[in-house]
Amino acid sequence: MINMYSRSGQVLAKRMNKNIRKHHKTNLLNGVQYLTIPALEESGLIRHAFTTRGGGLGGRNKELKLPDDWGTVAAAFGISPDRLVTLNQVHGETVVNVDERNYRQLRTLQGDAMVTRVRGIAVGVETADCVPILLFDPVTPAVAAIHAGWRSTVKKIVQKTVLRMAELFNTDPTGLIAAIGPAIGPECYEVDEPVMGPVRSGFPLWEKFTTPRSIGRWSLNLVMANMMELLNIGLHQQNIHALNLCTSCRTDLFYSFRVEGRTGRMLAAIALKP
């Protein structure tokens, strides 16, 4: 396991900005655009997608989740809409294990990460600036989807998800593959002391992913923070892939809550093939 708080870990953190992977594929199905990362597809065991604004959800009627909200993505995965599962995201740290017994009841359950080893069930998170992270254990096999805003990042949701996979599925973190989707970039994500206080308390190396802007204001690189968390829990750097696309800069492609306020959502989803 790599200790990011050791000297070698600090050196590795300095190199990470240069090593963020940008390789992705743009797909189109029935007029719906979504992005994939080829490295995740090489095993032939999974399907995954990061939808764009064109394939996103443009706002719900009365905020109610419906089984067919992401029906087009489910169709691309070759599963029925009710087997593509999302949670009521609350910027917390709850990790839910999804199986054949509970998947139909999860749309009203609060949580920000899901894990499953059931084939033909897709787990997904909805975002419009927060960091979507997909994990793939090719050995078990098993998958996970994580919604990491700043609060969940401070609460170590990435590490808790990996530990839950280890507990439930005997996942070895060193064999995990991670994909980080579109999220707000540090050039657009300016935060103040109410955010930076918890960040400093939670991360000894907080200066590696923050930059001072003015008195009481900082740029926060949430993607980098979560990459460091993945490394710290044991993933190999070459197995961490990030699209490196900023939702705030690219509102032509993505929804951005910070830019637009009340807006739609994209989906990041992953499933073991049926």
Protein backbone atom coordinates (compact mmCIF):
# COMPACT_ATOMS: atom_id res chain seq x y z
CA MET A 1 0.00 0.00 0.00
CA ILE A 2 1.29 3.46 -0.90
CA ASN A 3 1.40 5.88 2.02
CA MET A 4 0.75 9.31 0.57
CA TYR A 5 1.92 10.86 3.83
CA SER A 6 5.41 9.36 3.45
CA ARG A 7 8.19 11.11 1.54
CA SER A 8 7.80 8.74 -1.41
CA GLY A 9 4.08 9.39 -1.40
CA GLN A 10 4.65 13.14 -1.52
CA VAL A 11 6.95 12.75 -4.52
CA LEU A 12 4.33 10.63 -6.25
CA ALA A 13 1.64 13.22 -5.53
CA LYS A 14 3.74 15.88 -7.27
CA ARG A 15 3.84 13.77 -10.42
CA MET A 16 0.14 12.98 -10.54
CA ASN A 17 -0.91 16.16 -12.33
CA LYS A 18 1.32 15.16 -15.25
CA ASN A 19 0.01 11.61 -15.35
CA ILE A 20 -3.76 12.14 -15.44
CA ARG A 21 -5.00 10.05 -18.32
CA LYS A 22 -7.10 11.76 -20.97
CA HIS A 23 -7.77 8.72 -23.15
CA HIS A 24 -11.48 8.17 -23.69
CA LYS A 25 -13.94 7.14 -26.33
CA THR A 26 -17.09 9.01 -27.36
CA ASN A 27 -20.07 6.75 -28.02
CA LEU A 28 -23.49 7.43 -29.50
CA LEU A 29 -26.56 5.23 -29.02
CA ASN A 30 -30.04 6.26 -30.12
CA GLY A 31 -28.91 9.88 -30.11
CA VAL A 32 -27.48 9.66 -26.57
CA GLN A 33 -23.82 10.57 -26.18
CA TYR A 34 -21.66 9.00 -23.48
CA LEU A 35 -17.95 8.63 -22.74
CA THR A 36 -16.03 5.49 -21.89
CA ILE A 37 -12.44 4.71 -20.91
CA PRO A 38 -10.99 1.87 -23.02
CA ALA A 39 -8.81 0.56 -20.19
CA LEU A 40 -11.94 -0.47 -18.28
CA GLU A 41 -13.36 -2.36 -21.23
CA GLU A 42 -10.29 -4.44 -22.02
CA SER A 43 -11.34 -7.36 -19.82
CA GLY A 44 -14.63 -7.75 -21.65
CA LEU A 45 -16.39 -8.21 -18.30
CA ILE A 46 -18.07 -4.83 -17.84
CA ARG A 47 -19.94 -1.97 -19.43
CA HIS A 48 -19.62 1.59 -18.17
CA ALA A 49 -20.65 5.09 -19.19
CA PHE A 50 -20.19 8.74 -18.29
CA THR A 51 -23.11 10.53 -19.90
CA THR A 52 -22.82 14.06 -21.28
CA ARG A 53 -25.30 16.90 -21.35
CA GLY A 54 -26.75 15.33 -24.48
CA GLY A 55 -27.33 12.07 -22.64
CA GLY A 56 -28.05 13.58 -19.24
CA LEU A 57 -31.21 14.03 -17.23
CA GLY A 58 -32.64 17.52 -17.70
CA GLY A 59 -34.35 17.75 -14.33
CA ARG A 60 -37.00 15.60 -12.69
CA ASN A 61 -40.68 16.22 -12.25
CA LYS A 62 -41.09 17.09 -8.54
CA GLU A 63 -37.60 15.64 -7.92
CA LEU A 64 -38.95 12.08 -8.05
CA LYS A 65 -36.70 9.27 -9.22
CA LEU A 66 -38.31 7.04 -11.82
CA PRO A 67 -37.24 3.55 -12.92
CA ASP A 68 -36.79 4.70 -16.52
CA ASP A 69 -34.82 7.92 -15.77
CA TRP A 70 -31.75 6.32 -17.31
CA GLY A 71 -33.49 3.92 -19.65
CA THR A 72 -31.26 4.81 -22.59
CA VAL A 73 -28.13 3.92 -20.61
CA ALA A 74 -29.74 0.69 -19.40
CA ALA A 75 -30.49 -0.16 -23.02
CA ALA A 76 -26.84 0.44 -23.92
CA PHE A 77 -25.87 -1.94 -21.10
CA GLY A 78 -28.34 -4.58 -22.28
CA ILE A 79 -30.38 -4.55 -19.06
CA SER A 80 -33.88 -3.42 -18.06
CA PRO A 81 -34.21 0.13 -16.63
CA ASP A 82 -35.06 -1.08 -13.13
CA ARG A 83 -31.69 -2.84 -12.93
CA LEU A 84 -29.78 0.44 -13.25
CA VAL A 85 -29.71 1.61 -9.65
CA THR A 86 -29.10 5.06 -8.17
CA LEU A 87 -29.40 6.32 -4.59
CA ASN A 88 -30.72 9.45 -2.91
CA GLN A 89 -27.32 11.17 -2.69
CA VAL A 90 -26.72 13.26 0.44
CA HIS A 91 -22.97 14.09 0.38
CA GLY A 92 -22.31 11.50 3.05
CA GLU A 93 -20.20 8.39 3.53
CA THR A 94 -22.69 5.51 3.31
CA VAL A 95 -21.70 2.63 1.03
CA VAL A 96 -24.52 0.29 -0.04
CA ASN A 97 -24.09 -3.29 -1.18
CA VAL A 98 -26.50 -3.95 -4.06
CA ASP A 99 -27.84 -7.44 -4.68
CA GLU A 100 -30.83 -9.27 -6.13
CA ARG A 101 -32.79 -8.84 -2.90
CA ASN A 102 -32.62 -5.06 -2.52
CA TYR A 103 -31.97 -3.38 -5.86
CA ARG A 104 -35.61 -2.43 -6.48
CA GLN A 105 -35.88 -0.56 -3.17
CA LEU A 106 -32.76 1.64 -3.35
CA ARG A 107 -33.98 4.77 -5.16
CA THR A 108 -35.23 6.31 -1.90
CA LEU A 109 -32.31 5.09 0.22
CA GLN A 110 -29.70 7.66 1.23
CA GLY A 111 -26.10 6.99 0.29
CA ASP A 112 -23.25 8.12 -1.95
CA ALA A 113 -21.58 4.89 -3.04
CA MET A 114 -22.66 1.44 -4.14
CA VAL A 115 -20.85 -1.85 -4.63
CA THR A 116 -22.06 -5.04 -6.30
CA ARG A 117 -20.84 -8.36 -7.63
CA VAL A 118 -24.17 -9.25 -9.25
CA ARG A 119 -24.02 -9.55 -13.02
CA GLY A 120 -26.58 -7.50 -14.90
CA ILE A 121 -27.09 -4.87 -12.20
CA ALA A 122 -25.65 -1.43 -12.95
CA VAL A 123 -24.74 0.96 -10.12
CA GLY A 124 -24.67 4.65 -10.93
CA VAL A 125 -24.18 8.10 -9.43
CA GLU A 126 -25.59 11.41 -10.67
CA THR A 127 -23.39 14.51 -10.83
CA ALA A 128 -23.26 18.09 -12.03
CA ASP A 129 -19.79 19.15 -10.70
CA CYS A 130 -19.04 16.54 -8.00
CA VAL A 131 -16.55 13.79 -8.81
CA PRO A 132 -17.95 10.51 -10.19
CA ILE A 133 -15.68 7.52 -9.61
CA LEU A 134 -16.15 4.00 -10.99
CA LEU A 135 -14.19 1.03 -9.62
CA PHE A 136 -13.66 -2.36 -11.21
CA ASP A 137 -12.25 -5.45 -9.53
CA PRO A 138 -11.49 -7.82 -12.44
CA VAL A 139 -10.63 -10.77 -10.18
CA THR A 140 -13.79 -11.17 -8.06
CA PRO A 141 -15.27 -9.64 -10.29
CA ALA A 142 -17.09 -6.65 -8.71
CA VAL A 143 -17.80 -2.99 -9.41
CA ALA A 144 -18.56 0.23 -7.53
CA ALA A 145 -19.85 3.73 -8.20
CA ILE A 146 -18.96 6.70 -5.96
CA HIS A 147 -20.32 10.25 -5.70
CA ALA A 148 -17.54 12.40 -4.21
CA GLY A 149 -18.34 16.04 -3.49
CA TRP A 150 -16.09 17.88 -1.08
CA ARG A 151 -18.00 16.68 1.98
CA SER A 152 -17.87 13.01 0.98
CA THR A 153 -14.23 13.40 -0.02
CA VAL A 154 -13.39 14.73 3.46
CA LYS A 155 -15.32 11.79 4.93
CA LYS A 156 -13.05 9.39 2.99
CA ILE A 157 -15.82 7.84 0.93
CA VAL A 158 -13.37 6.48 -1.65
CA GLN A 159 -11.35 4.59 0.93
CA LYS A 160 -14.49 3.37 2.69
CA THR A 161 -15.81 2.01 -0.60
CA VAL A 162 -12.59 0.10 -1.31
CA LEU A 163 -12.57 -1.28 2.24
CA ARG A 164 -16.20 -2.38 1.84
CA MET A 165 -15.27 -4.22 -1.35
CA ALA A 166 -12.42 -5.90 0.48
CA GLU A 167 -14.75 -6.88 3.32
CA LEU A 168 -17.57 -8.20 1.12
CA PHE A 169 -15.74 -9.55 -1.91
CA ASN A 170 -12.15 -10.05 -0.74
CA THR A 171 -11.08 -7.36 -3.22
CA ASP A 172 -7.36 -6.64 -3.38
CA PRO A 173 -6.97 -2.84 -3.79
CA THR A 174 -3.76 -3.31 -5.77
CA GLY A 175 -5.79 -4.99 -8.52
CA LEU A 176 -8.55 -2.38 -8.72
CA ILE A 177 -9.04 -0.18 -11.78
CA ALA A 178 -10.53 3.29 -11.25
CA ALA A 179 -12.14 5.72 -13.68
CA ILE A 180 -12.81 9.35 -12.72
CA GLY A 181 -15.37 11.15 -14.83
CA PRO A 182 -16.13 14.79 -15.65
CA ALA A 183 -16.04 17.08 -12.60
CA ILE A 184 -15.42 20.70 -11.76
CA GLY A 185 -11.73 21.57 -12.15
CA PRO A 186 -9.58 23.59 -9.76
CA GLU A 187 -9.52 26.55 -12.14
CA CYS A 188 -13.28 26.90 -11.57
CA TYR A 189 -13.73 25.57 -8.05
CA GLU A 190 -13.02 28.36 -5.58
CA VAL A 191 -13.85 27.67 -1.92
CA ASP A 192 -13.70 29.56 1.37
CA GLU A 193 -12.80 28.75 4.97
CA PRO A 194 -15.96 26.73 5.81
CA VAL A 195 -14.76 24.24 3.20
CA MET A 196 -11.03 24.57 3.74
CA GLY A 197 -11.27 24.02 7.50
CA PRO A 198 -12.53 20.43 7.14
CA VAL A 199 -10.18 19.84 4.18
CA ARG A 200 -7.13 20.83 6.25
CA SER A 201 -8.31 18.68 9.15
CA GLY A 202 -8.87 15.64 6.94
CA PHE A 203 -5.79 15.76 4.74
CA PRO A 204 -2.23 16.26 6.02
CA LEU A 205 -1.20 16.87 2.40
CA TRP A 206 -4.01 19.32 1.63
CA GLU A 207 -1.57 21.77 0.06
CA LYS A 208 -0.95 19.26 -2.75
CA PHE A 209 -4.45 19.79 -4.17
CA THR A 210 -5.27 23.35 -3.11
CA THR A 211 -3.93 26.72 -4.26
CA PRO A 212 -4.37 30.08 -2.48
CA ARG A 213 -6.25 32.67 -4.55
CA SER A 214 -6.86 35.58 -2.24
CA ILE A 215 -7.41 36.18 1.46
CA GLY A 216 -9.70 33.43 2.67
CA ARG A 217 -10.12 31.86 -0.80
CA TRP A 218 -8.56 28.76 -2.36
CA SER A 219 -8.79 26.66 -5.52
CA LEU A 220 -9.70 23.07 -4.66
CA ASN A 221 -8.77 20.17 -6.93
CA LEU A 222 -11.28 17.48 -5.95
CA VAL A 223 -10.12 15.09 -8.66
CA MET A 224 -6.56 15.22 -7.34
CA ALA A 225 -7.74 14.75 -3.75
CA ASN A 226 -9.60 11.58 -4.69
CA MET A 227 -6.70 10.28 -6.78
CA MET A 228 -4.52 10.64 -3.72
CA GLU A 229 -7.10 8.74 -1.67
CA LEU A 230 -7.12 5.93 -4.21
CA LEU A 231 -3.33 5.69 -4.08
CA ASN A 232 -3.34 5.79 -0.29
CA ILE A 233 -5.72 2.83 -0.08
CA GLY A 234 -3.51 0.76 -2.36
CA LEU A 235 -4.39 1.29 -6.04
CA HIS A 236 -1.52 1.47 -8.50
CA GLN A 237 -1.08 4.78 -10.26
CA GLN A 238 -1.24 3.18 -13.71
CA ASN A 239 -4.71 1.83 -12.85
CA ILE A 240 -6.22 5.26 -12.15
CA HIS A 241 -7.75 6.90 -15.22
CA ALA A 242 -9.26 10.40 -15.25
CA LEU A 243 -11.11 12.08 -18.11
CA ASN A 244 -9.76 15.46 -16.95
CA LEU A 245 -12.80 17.31 -18.30
CA CYS A 246 -14.13 20.29 -16.33
CA THR A 247 -17.91 20.49 -16.04
CA SER A 248 -17.80 24.21 -15.30
CA CYS A 249 -15.61 25.06 -18.30
CA ARG A 250 -17.56 22.83 -20.67
CA THR A 251 -21.24 23.57 -20.13
CA ASP A 252 -21.65 22.84 -23.83
CA LEU A 253 -20.95 19.20 -22.91
CA PHE A 254 -21.89 18.89 -19.23
CA TYR A 255 -24.25 20.20 -16.58
CA SER A 256 -22.65 22.42 -13.92
CA PHE A 257 -24.47 23.33 -10.71
CA ARG A 258 -21.93 26.04 -9.91
CA VAL A 259 -22.47 27.76 -13.27
CA GLU A 260 -26.16 27.10 -13.80
CA GLY A 261 -27.68 26.64 -10.36
CA ARG A 262 -30.70 24.36 -10.58
CA THR A 263 -29.87 22.14 -13.53
CA GLY A 264 -29.82 18.59 -14.86
CA ARG A 265 -27.50 15.72 -14.01
CA MET A 266 -25.12 13.36 -15.76
CA LEU A 267 -24.80 9.69 -14.88
CA ALA A 268 -21.69 7.62 -14.24
CA ALA A 269 -22.62 3.93 -14.25
CA ILE A 270 -20.90 0.57 -14.34
CA ALA A 271 -22.13 -3.03 -14.55
CA LEU A 272 -20.80 -6.53 -14.85
CA LYS A 273 -22.12 -7.94 -18.10
CA PRO A 274 -25.08 -10.31 -17.69
